[in-house]
Amino acid sequence: AMAICTDYWYETDARRHRDRCKNHANKRNDPGYIYISNHNLPLQM
């Protein structure tokens, strides 16, 4: 009866995903600035 009357059968936590998307959206996009992620290091091709 407790299981039927409550809503905690399945839970999701999207806080880390929201923070990651905010950091991705807040990167600079002004002219003359080139965004280089850490995955593309080393910088010298």
All heavy atoms as atom14 arrays in JSON, in Angstrom:
{
  "sequence": "AMAICTDYWYETDARRHRDRCKNHANKRNDPGYIYISNHNLPLQM",
  "atom14_mask": [
    [1, 1, 1, 1, 1, 0, 0, 0, 0, 0, 0, 0, 0, 0],
    [1, 1, 1, 1, 1, 1, 1, 1, 0, 0, 0, 0, 0, 0],
    [1, 1, 1, 1, 1, 0, 0, 0, 0, 0, 0, 0, 0, 0],
    [1, 1, 1, 1, 1, 1, 1, 1, 0, 0, 0, 0, 0, 0],
    [1, 1, 1, 1, 1, 1, 0, 0, 0, 0, 0, 0, 0, 0],
    [1, 1, 1, 1, 1, 1, 1, 0, 0, 0, 0, 0, 0, 0],
    [1, 1, 1, 1, 1, 1, 1, 1, 0, 0, 0, 0, 0, 0],
    [1, 1, 1, 1, 1, 1, 1, 1, 1, 1, 1, 1, 0, 0],
    [1, 1, 1, 1, 1, 1, 1, 1, 1, 1, 1, 1, 1, 1],
    [1, 1, 1, 1, 1, 1, 1, 1, 1, 1, 1, 1, 0, 0],
    [1, 1, 1, 1, 1, 1, 1, 1, 1, 0, 0, 0, 0, 0],
    [1, 1, 1, 1, 1, 1, 1, 0, 0, 0, 0, 0, 0, 0],
    [1, 1, 1, 1, 1, 1, 1, 1, 0, 0, 0, 0, 0, 0],
    [1, 1, 1, 1, 1, 0, 0, 0, 0, 0, 0, 0, 0, 0],
    [1, 1, 1, 1, 1, 1, 1, 1, 1, 1, 1, 0, 0, 0],
    [1, 1, 1, 1, 1, 1, 1, 1, 1, 1, 1, 0, 0, 0],
    [1, 1, 1, 1, 1, 1, 1, 1, 1, 1, 0, 0, 0, 0],
    [1, 1, 1, 1, 1, 1, 1, 1, 1, 1, 1, 0, 0, 0],
    [1, 1, 1, 1, 1, 1, 1, 1, 0, 0, 0, 0, 0, 0],
    [1, 1, 1, 1, 1, 1, 1, 1, 1, 1, 1, 0, 0, 0],
    [1, 1, 1, 1, 1, 1, 0, 0, 0, 0, 0, 0, 0, 0],
    [1, 1, 1, 1, 1, 1, 1, 1, 1, 0, 0, 0, 0, 0],
    [1, 1, 1, 1, 1, 1, 1, 1, 0, 0, 0, 0, 0, 0],
    [1, 1, 1, 1, 1, 1, 1, 1, 1, 1, 0, 0, 0, 0],
    [1, 1, 1, 1, 1, 0, 0, 0, 0, 0, 0, 0, 0, 0],
    [1, 1, 1, 1, 1, 1, 1, 1, 0, 0, 0, 0, 0, 0],
    [1, 1, 1, 1, 1, 1, 1, 1, 1, 0, 0, 0, 0, 0],
    [1, 1, 1, 1, 1, 1, 1, 1, 1, 1, 1, 0, 0, 0],
    [1, 1, 1, 1, 1, 1, 1, 1, 0, 0, 0, 0, 0, 0],
    [1, 1, 1, 1, 1, 1, 1, 1, 0, 0, 0, 0, 0, 0],
    [1, 1, 1, 1, 1, 1, 1, 0, 0, 0, 0, 0, 0, 0],
    [1, 1, 1, 1, 0, 0, 0, 0, 0, 0, 0, 0, 0, 0],
    [1, 1, 1, 1, 1, 1, 1, 1, 1, 1, 1, 1, 0, 0],
    [1, 1, 1, 1, 1, 1, 1, 1, 0, 0, 0, 0, 0, 0],
    [1, 1, 1, 1, 1, 1, 1, 1, 1, 1, 1, 1, 0, 0],
    [1, 1, 1, 1, 1, 1, 1, 1, 0, 0, 0, 0, 0, 0],
    [1, 1, 1, 1, 1, 1, 0, 0, 0, 0, 0, 0, 0, 0],
    [1, 1, 1, 1, 1, 1, 1, 1, 0, 0, 0, 0, 0, 0],
    [1, 1, 1, 1, 1, 1, 1, 1, 1, 1, 0, 0, 0, 0],
    [1, 1, 1, 1, 1, 1, 1, 1, 0, 0, 0, 0, 0, 0],
    [1, 1, 1, 1, 1, 1, 1, 1, 0, 0, 0, 0, 0, 0],
    [1, 1, 1, 1, 1, 1, 1, 0, 0, 0, 0, 0, 0, 0],
    [1, 1, 1, 1, 1, 1, 1, 1, 0, 0, 0, 0, 0, 0],
    [1, 1, 1, 1, 1, 1, 1, 1, 1, 0, 0, 0, 0, 0],
    [1, 1, 1, 1, 1, 1, 1, 1, 0, 0, 0, 0, 0, 0]
  ],
  "atom14_positions": [
    [[0.82, -1.21, 0.0], [0.0, 0.0, 0.0], [0.86, 1.26, 0.0], [0.55, 2.24, -0.68], [-0.94, -0.01, 1.21], [0.0, 0.0, 0.0], [0.0, 0.0, 0.0], [0.0, 0.0, 0.0], [0.0, 0.0, 0.0], [0.0, 0.0, 0.0], [0.0, 0.0, 0.0], [0.0, 0.0, 0.0], [0.0, 0.0, 0.0], [0.0, 0.0, 0.0]],
    [[1.97, 1.23, 0.74], [2.88, 2.37, 0.74], [3.52, 2.57, -0.63], [3.67, 3.71, -1.11], [3.96, 2.17, 1.81], [4.88, 3.36, 2.01], [6.16, 3.01, 3.23], [5.16, 2.58, 4.65], [0.0, 0.0, 0.0], [0.0, 0.0, 0.0], [0.0, 0.0, 0.0], [0.0, 0.0, 0.0], [0.0, 0.0, 0.0], [0.0, 0.0, 0.0]],
    [[3.87, 1.48, -1.28], [4.47, 1.59, -2.61], [3.47, 2.12, -3.64], [3.83, 2.92, -4.51], [5.01, 0.23, -3.05], [0.0, 0.0, 0.0], [0.0, 0.0, 0.0], [0.0, 0.0, 0.0], [0.0, 0.0, 0.0], [0.0, 0.0, 0.0], [0.0, 0.0, 0.0], [0.0, 0.0, 0.0], [0.0, 0.0, 0.0], [0.0, 0.0, 0.0]],
    [[2.22, 1.68, -3.53], [1.21, 2.13, -4.49], [0.9, 3.61, -4.32], [0.71, 4.34, -5.3], [-0.06, 1.27, -4.35], [0.22, -0.16, -4.81], [-1.22, 1.84, -5.15], [-0.92, -1.11, -4.56], [0.0, 0.0, 0.0], [0.0, 0.0, 0.0], [0.0, 0.0, 0.0], [0.0, 0.0, 0.0], [0.0, 0.0, 0.0], [0.0, 0.0, 0.0]],
    [[0.87, 4.08, -3.09], [0.44, 5.45, -2.82], [1.57, 6.47, -2.95], [1.3, 7.68, -2.89], [-0.15, 5.54, -1.41], [-1.65, 4.55, -1.19], [0.0, 0.0, 0.0], [0.0, 0.0, 0.0], [0.0, 0.0, 0.0], [0.0, 0.0, 0.0], [0.0, 0.0, 0.0], [0.0, 0.0, 0.0], [0.0, 0.0, 0.0], [0.0, 0.0, 0.0]],
    [[2.8, 6.06, -3.12], [3.93, 6.99, -3.22], [4.45, 7.02, -4.65], [4.12, 6.17, -5.48], [5.05, 6.59, -2.25], [5.4, 5.21, -2.46], [4.6, 6.77, -0.81], [0.0, 0.0, 0.0], [0.0, 0.0, 0.0], [0.0, 0.0, 0.0], [0.0, 0.0, 0.0], [0.0, 0.0, 0.0], [0.0, 0.0, 0.0], [0.0, 0.0, 0.0]],
    [[5.3, 8.01, -4.92], [5.76, 8.28, -6.28], [7.26, 8.06, -6.46], [7.85, 8.64, -7.38], [5.44, 9.73, -6.67], [3.97, 10.04, -6.56], [3.17, 9.18, -6.97], [3.61, 11.12, -6.07], [0.0, 0.0, 0.0], [0.0, 0.0, 0.0], [0.0, 0.0, 0.0], [0.0, 0.0, 0.0], [0.0, 0.0, 0.0], [0.0, 0.0, 0.0]],
    [[7.87, 7.26, -5.62], [9.32, 7.08, -5.69], [9.69, 5.71, -6.27], [10.56, 5.02, -5.75], [9.94, 7.26, -4.3], [9.84, 8.66, -3.77], [8.72, 9.07, -3.04], [10.82, 9.6, -4.02], [8.6, 10.36, -2.57], [10.73, 10.9, -3.54], [9.61, 11.27, -2.81], [9.5, 12.56, -2.34], [0.0, 0.0, 0.0], [0.0, 0.0, 0.0]],
    [[9.04, 5.35, -7.35], [9.39, 4.11, -8.03], [10.64, 4.29, -8.89], [11.49, 3.4, -8.96], [8.22, 3.64, -8.9], [7.07, 3.09, -8.13], [6.23, 3.79, -7.3], [6.63, 1.73, -8.08], [5.3, 2.94, -6.75], [5.5, 1.68, -7.22], [7.06, 0.56, -8.69], [4.83, 0.5, -6.96], [6.37, -0.61, -8.43], [5.28, -0.64, -7.57]],
    [[10.74, 5.44, -9.55], [11.88, 5.69, -10.45], [12.28, 7.14, -10.32], [11.42, 8.03, -10.31], [11.48, 5.36, -11.89], [12.62, 5.46, -12.89], [13.64, 4.53, -12.9], [12.66, 6.5, -13.81], [14.67, 4.63, -13.8], [13.7, 6.6, -14.71], [14.69, 5.66, -14.71], [15.73, 5.76, -15.59], [0.0, 0.0, 0.0], [0.0, 0.0, 0.0]],
    [[13.59, 7.39, -10.21], [14.11, 8.73, -9.96], [15.18, 9.08, -10.98], [15.94, 8.21, -11.42], [14.71, 8.83, -8.55], [13.75, 8.47, -7.43], [14.43, 8.44, -6.08], [15.69, 8.5, -6.06], [13.73, 8.37, -5.06], [0.0, 0.0, 0.0], [0.0, 0.0, 0.0], [0.0, 0.0, 0.0], [0.0, 0.0, 0.0], [0.0, 0.0, 0.0]],
    [[15.21, 10.36, -11.35], [16.27, 10.89, -12.21], [16.84, 12.15, -11.58], [16.11, 12.91, -10.94], [15.74, 11.22, -13.62], [14.69, 12.19, -13.52], [15.21, 9.97, -14.31], [0.0, 0.0, 0.0], [0.0, 0.0, 0.0], [0.0, 0.0, 0.0], [0.0, 0.0, 0.0], [0.0, 0.0, 0.0], [0.0, 0.0, 0.0], [0.0, 0.0, 0.0]],
    [[18.12, 12.35, -11.78], [18.83, 13.52, -11.25], [19.6, 14.16, -12.41], [20.59, 13.6, -12.89], [19.78, 13.12, -10.13], [20.4, 14.32, -9.43], [20.13, 15.47, -9.85], [21.16, 14.12, -8.47], [0.0, 0.0, 0.0], [0.0, 0.0, 0.0], [0.0, 0.0, 0.0], [0.0, 0.0, 0.0], [0.0, 0.0, 0.0], [0.0, 0.0, 0.0]],
    [[19.13, 15.32, -12.87], [19.71, 15.98, -14.03], [20.54, 17.2, -13.66], [20.84, 18.03, -14.53], [18.6, 16.4, -15.0], [0.0, 0.0, 0.0], [0.0, 0.0, 0.0], [0.0, 0.0, 0.0], [0.0, 0.0, 0.0], [0.0, 0.0, 0.0], [0.0, 0.0, 0.0], [0.0, 0.0, 0.0], [0.0, 0.0, 0.0], [0.0, 0.0, 0.0]],
    [[20.97, 17.33, -12.42], [21.72, 18.53, -12.02], [23.08, 18.59, -12.69], [23.51, 19.66, -13.16], [21.88, 18.54, -10.5], [20.59, 18.83, -9.75], [20.76, 18.78, -8.25], [21.09, 17.43, -7.81], [21.27, 17.1, -6.53], [21.16, 18.02, -5.59], [21.56, 15.86, -6.18], [0.0, 0.0, 0.0], [0.0, 0.0, 0.0], [0.0, 0.0, 0.0]],
    [[23.77, 17.48, -12.76], [25.09, 17.49, -13.4], [24.98, 17.78, -14.89], [25.81, 18.49, -15.46], [25.78, 16.15, -13.17], [27.22, 16.11, -13.64], [27.89, 14.81, -13.22], [27.21, 13.66, -13.78], [27.63, 12.4, -13.62], [28.7, 12.17, -12.89], [26.98, 11.4, -14.17], [0.0, 0.0, 0.0], [0.0, 0.0, 0.0], [0.0, 0.0, 0.0]],
    [[23.93, 17.26, -15.53], [23.74, 17.52, -16.95], [23.41, 19.0, -17.19], [23.91, 19.61, -18.16], [22.6, 16.65, -17.48], [22.24, 16.9, -18.9], [23.02, 16.48, -19.96], [21.19, 17.57, -19.45], [22.47, 16.85, -21.09], [21.35, 17.51, -20.81], [0.0, 0.0, 0.0], [0.0, 0.0, 0.0], [0.0, 0.0, 0.0], [0.0, 0.0, 0.0]],
    [[22.6, 19.6, -16.34], [22.28, 21.01, -16.49], [23.52, 21.89, -16.32], [23.73, 22.84, -17.07], [21.21, 21.41, -15.47], [19.79, 21.02, -15.87], [18.81, 21.36, -14.76], [17.45, 21.22, -15.21], [16.71, 22.22, -15.68], [17.24, 23.43, -15.78], [15.46, 22.03, -16.07], [0.0, 0.0, 0.0], [0.0, 0.0, 0.0], [0.0, 0.0, 0.0]],
    [[24.34, 21.57, -15.32], [25.57, 22.35, -15.13], [26.51, 22.21, -16.33], [27.14, 23.18, -16.75], [26.27, 21.89, -13.85], [25.45, 22.18, -12.61], [24.58, 23.07, -12.67], [25.67, 21.5, -11.58], [0.0, 0.0, 0.0], [0.0, 0.0, 0.0], [0.0, 0.0, 0.0], [0.0, 0.0, 0.0], [0.0, 0.0, 0.0], [0.0, 0.0, 0.0]],
    [[26.58, 21.02, -16.86], [27.45, 20.8, -18.02], [26.95, 21.58, -19.23], [27.74, 22.18, -19.97], [27.52, 19.31, -18.33], [28.5, 18.94, -19.42], [28.48, 17.44, -19.65], [29.36, 17.05, -20.73], [29.44, 15.82, -21.23], [28.7, 14.87, -20.7], [30.25, 15.55, -22.22], [0.0, 0.0, 0.0], [0.0, 0.0, 0.0], [0.0, 0.0, 0.0]],
    [[25.65, 21.59, -19.44], [25.1, 22.34, -20.57], [25.24, 23.85, -20.38], [25.46, 24.59, -21.34], [23.63, 21.97, -20.77], [23.37, 20.31, -21.41], [0.0, 0.0, 0.0], [0.0, 0.0, 0.0], [0.0, 0.0, 0.0], [0.0, 0.0, 0.0], [0.0, 0.0, 0.0], [0.0, 0.0, 0.0], [0.0, 0.0, 0.0], [0.0, 0.0, 0.0]],
    [[25.12, 24.3, -19.13], [25.32, 25.73, -18.87], [26.76, 26.14, -19.16], [27.02, 27.2, -19.75], [24.95, 26.05, -17.43], [23.46, 26.06, -17.16], [23.18, 26.37, -15.71], [21.68, 26.35, -15.42], [21.39, 26.63, -13.99], [0.0, 0.0, 0.0], [0.0, 0.0, 0.0], [0.0, 0.0, 0.0], [0.0, 0.0, 0.0], [0.0, 0.0, 0.0]],
    [[27.72, 25.32, -18.74], [29.12, 25.63, -19.03], [29.41, 25.6, -20.53], [30.2, 26.39, -21.03], [30.03, 24.63, -18.31], [29.92, 24.75, -16.8], [29.63, 25.81, -16.26], [30.15, 23.64, -16.09], [0.0, 0.0, 0.0], [0.0, 0.0, 0.0], [0.0, 0.0, 0.0], [0.0, 0.0, 0.0], [0.0, 0.0, 0.0], [0.0, 0.0, 0.0]],
    [[28.73, 24.7, -21.22], [28.91, 24.63, -22.67], [28.27, 25.82, -23.37], [28.79, 26.31, -24.38], [28.3, 23.33, -23.2], [28.46, 23.16, -24.69], [29.67, 22.85, -25.28], [27.56, 23.27, -25.7], [29.51, 22.75, -26.59], [28.24, 23.0, -26.87], [0.0, 0.0, 0.0], [0.0, 0.0, 0.0], [0.0, 0.0, 0.0], [0.0, 0.0, 0.0]],
    [[27.17, 26.32, -22.84], [26.49, 27.46, -23.47], [27.12, 28.79, -23.11], [26.98, 29.76, -23.86], [25.01, 27.47, -23.06], [0.0, 0.0, 0.0], [0.0, 0.0, 0.0], [0.0, 0.0, 0.0], [0.0, 0.0, 0.0], [0.0, 0.0, 0.0], [0.0, 0.0, 0.0], [0.0, 0.0, 0.0], [0.0, 0.0, 0.0], [0.0, 0.0, 0.0]],
    [[27.84, 28.85, -21.99], [28.44, 30.12, -21.55], [29.82, 30.37, -22.11], [30.48, 31.32, -21.69], [28.52, 30.14, -20.02], [27.15, 30.22, -19.39], [26.19, 30.71, -20.0], [27.03, 29.74, -18.15], [0.0, 0.0, 0.0], [0.0, 0.0, 0.0], [0.0, 0.0, 0.0], [0.0, 0.0, 0.0], [0.0, 0.0, 0.0], [0.0, 0.0, 0.0]],
    [[30.28, 29.56, -23.02], [31.59, 29.81, -23.61], [31.53, 31.07, -24.49], [30.48, 31.41, -25.05], [32.05, 28.62, -24.42], [31.18, 28.31, -25.63], [31.66, 27.08, -26.35], [30.79, 26.81, -27.58], [31.23, 25.58, -28.29], [0.0, 0.0, 0.0], [0.0, 0.0, 0.0], [0.0, 0.0, 0.0], [0.0, 0.0, 0.0], [0.0, 0.0, 0.0]],
    [[32.64, 31.75, -24.65], [32.68, 33.0, -25.39], [32.47, 32.76, -26.87], [33.02, 31.84, -27.46], [34.03, 33.68, -25.16], [34.26, 34.16, -23.74], [35.64, 34.75, -23.56], [35.86, 35.84, -24.5], [37.02, 36.5, -24.63], [38.05, 36.14, -23.85], [37.15, 37.46, -25.49], [0.0, 0.0, 0.0], [0.0, 0.0, 0.0], [0.0, 0.0, 0.0]],
    [[31.62, 33.62, -27.46], [31.38, 33.55, -28.89], [31.54, 34.9, -29.57], [30.98, 35.15, -30.63], [29.97, 33.01, -29.15], [28.89, 33.82, -28.45], [29.21, 34.81, -27.78], [27.64, 33.4, -28.61], [0.0, 0.0, 0.0], [0.0, 0.0, 0.0], [0.0, 0.0, 0.0], [0.0, 0.0, 0.0], [0.0, 0.0, 0.0], [0.0, 0.0, 0.0]],
    [[32.3, 35.81, -28.92], [32.52, 37.11, -29.53], [33.49, 36.99, -30.7], [34.3, 36.06, -30.75], [33.07, 38.1, -28.48], [34.28, 37.53, -27.75], [34.1, 36.5, -27.06], [35.38, 38.08, -27.9], [0.0, 0.0, 0.0], [0.0, 0.0, 0.0], [0.0, 0.0, 0.0], [0.0, 0.0, 0.0], [0.0, 0.0, 0.0], [0.0, 0.0, 0.0]],
    [[33.43, 37.91, -31.64], [34.32, 37.83, -32.82], [35.79, 37.92, -32.42], [36.19, 38.68, -31.55], [33.9, 39.03, -33.66], [32.52, 39.37, -33.19], [32.48, 39.01, -31.74], [0.0, 0.0, 0.0], [0.0, 0.0, 0.0], [0.0, 0.0, 0.0], [0.0, 0.0, 0.0], [0.0, 0.0, 0.0], [0.0, 0.0, 0.0], [0.0, 0.0, 0.0]],
    [[36.6, 37.11, -33.05], [38.03, 37.11, -32.79], [38.45, 36.12, -31.74], [39.65, 35.91, -31.54], [0.0, 0.0, 0.0], [0.0, 0.0, 0.0], [0.0, 0.0, 0.0], [0.0, 0.0, 0.0], [0.0, 0.0, 0.0], [0.0, 0.0, 0.0], [0.0, 0.0, 0.0], [0.0, 0.0, 0.0], [0.0, 0.0, 0.0], [0.0, 0.0, 0.0]],
    [[37.48, 35.48, -31.03], [37.83, 34.49, -30.0], [37.58, 33.1, -30.56], [36.53, 32.8, -31.1], [36.98, 34.71, -28.74], [37.27, 33.7, -27.64], [38.4, 33.81, -26.85], [36.4, 32.63, -27.43], [38.66, 32.88, -25.86], [36.65, 31.7, -26.44], [37.78, 31.83, -25.66], [38.03, 30.91, -24.67], [0.0, 0.0, 0.0], [0.0, 0.0, 0.0]],
    [[38.56, 32.25, -30.43], [38.48, 30.88, -30.9], [38.44, 29.98, -29.68], [39.36, 29.98, -28.85], [39.69, 30.52, -31.79], [39.74, 31.46, -33.0], [39.61, 29.07, -32.24], [40.96, 31.24, -33.88], [0.0, 0.0, 0.0], [0.0, 0.0, 0.0], [0.0, 0.0, 0.0], [0.0, 0.0, 0.0], [0.0, 0.0, 0.0], [0.0, 0.0, 0.0]],
    [[37.34, 29.22, -29.55], [37.19, 28.3, -28.41], [37.87, 26.98, -28.75], [37.6, 26.36, -29.77], [35.7, 28.06, -28.12], [35.48, 27.07, -27.03], [35.63, 27.42, -25.69], [35.11, 25.76, -27.34], [35.41, 26.51, -24.69], [34.9, 24.83, -26.33], [35.04, 25.22, -25.01], [34.83, 24.3, -24.02], [0.0, 0.0, 0.0], [0.0, 0.0, 0.0]],
    [[38.78, 26.57, -27.87], [39.5, 25.31, -28.03], [39.29, 24.51, -26.77], [39.65, 24.93, -25.68], [41.0, 25.55, -28.28], [41.2, 26.42, -29.53], [41.74, 24.22, -28.42], [42.64, 26.79, -29.78], [0.0, 0.0, 0.0], [0.0, 0.0, 0.0], [0.0, 0.0, 0.0], [0.0, 0.0, 0.0], [0.0, 0.0, 0.0], [0.0, 0.0, 0.0]],
    [[38.65, 23.36, -26.9], [38.4, 22.51, -25.74], [39.66, 21.77, -25.34], [40.62, 21.66, -26.1], [37.27, 21.52, -26.05], [37.68, 20.66, -27.09], [0.0, 0.0, 0.0], [0.0, 0.0, 0.0], [0.0, 0.0, 0.0], [0.0, 0.0, 0.0], [0.0, 0.0, 0.0], [0.0, 0.0, 0.0], [0.0, 0.0, 0.0], [0.0, 0.0, 0.0]],
    [[39.65, 21.24, -24.14], [40.81, 20.51, -23.64], [41.04, 19.21, -24.39], [42.14, 18.65, -24.36], [40.63, 20.21, -22.15], [40.64, 21.48, -21.33], [41.27, 22.47, -21.71], [39.92, 21.47, -20.21], [0.0, 0.0, 0.0], [0.0, 0.0, 0.0], [0.0, 0.0, 0.0], [0.0, 0.0, 0.0], [0.0, 0.0, 0.0], [0.0, 0.0, 0.0]],
    [[39.98, 18.7, -25.04], [40.15, 17.43, -25.74], [41.03, 17.57, -26.97], [41.56, 16.59, -27.48], [38.78, 16.9, -26.16], [37.9, 16.57, -25.0], [38.2, 15.57, -24.11], [36.74, 17.14, -24.57], [37.27, 15.52, -23.19], [36.37, 16.46, -23.45], [0.0, 0.0, 0.0], [0.0, 0.0, 0.0], [0.0, 0.0, 0.0], [0.0, 0.0, 0.0]],
    [[41.17, 18.81, -27.49], [41.92, 19.01, -28.72], [43.39, 19.33, -28.48], [44.1, 19.64, -29.43], [41.31, 20.14, -29.54], [39.9, 19.78, -30.02], [39.61, 18.62, -30.22], [39.04, 20.79, -30.17], [0.0, 0.0, 0.0], [0.0, 0.0, 0.0], [0.0, 0.0, 0.0], [0.0, 0.0, 0.0], [0.0, 0.0, 0.0], [0.0, 0.0, 0.0]],
    [[43.84, 19.33, -27.22], [45.25, 19.55, -26.94], [46.06, 18.36, -27.42], [45.56, 17.23, -27.41], [45.45, 19.78, -25.45], [44.8, 21.04, -24.88], [45.0, 21.1, -23.38], [45.34, 22.3, -25.54], [0.0, 0.0, 0.0], [0.0, 0.0, 0.0], [0.0, 0.0, 0.0], [0.0, 0.0, 0.0], [0.0, 0.0, 0.0], [0.0, 0.0, 0.0]],
    [[47.33, 18.52, -27.85], [48.13, 19.74, -27.83], [47.7, 20.75, -28.89], [47.1, 20.4, -29.88], [49.55, 19.23, -28.11], [49.32, 17.99, -28.89], [48.07, 17.37, -28.37], [0.0, 0.0, 0.0], [0.0, 0.0, 0.0], [0.0, 0.0, 0.0], [0.0, 0.0, 0.0], [0.0, 0.0, 0.0], [0.0, 0.0, 0.0], [0.0, 0.0, 0.0]],
    [[48.02, 22.03, -28.6], [47.57, 23.11, -29.47], [48.31, 23.12, -30.8], [47.77, 23.56, -31.8], [47.75, 24.45, -28.76], [46.97, 24.6, -27.44], [47.26, 25.97, -26.84], [45.49, 24.41, -27.66], [0.0, 0.0, 0.0], [0.0, 0.0, 0.0], [0.0, 0.0, 0.0], [0.0, 0.0, 0.0], [0.0, 0.0, 0.0], [0.0, 0.0, 0.0]],
    [[49.53, 22.67, -30.82], [50.31, 22.7, -32.04], [49.99, 21.49, -32.91], [50.08, 20.35, -32.46], [51.81, 22.71, -31.7], [52.69, 22.85, -32.95], [54.15, 22.89, -32.59], [54.49, 22.78, -31.41], [55.02, 23.09, -33.58], [0.0, 0.0, 0.0], [0.0, 0.0, 0.0], [0.0, 0.0, 0.0], [0.0, 0.0, 0.0], [0.0, 0.0, 0.0]],
    [[49.54, 21.76, -34.12], [49.19, 20.68, -35.03], [50.46, 20.09, -35.63], [51.43, 20.8, -35.9], [48.3, 21.21, -36.16], [46.95, 21.74, -35.66], [45.97, 20.43, -34.92], [45.67, 19.43, -36.37], [0.0, 0.0, 0.0], [0.0, 0.0, 0.0], [0.0, 0.0, 0.0], [0.0, 0.0, 0.0], [0.0, 0.0, 0.0], [0.0, 0.0, 0.0]]
  ]
}
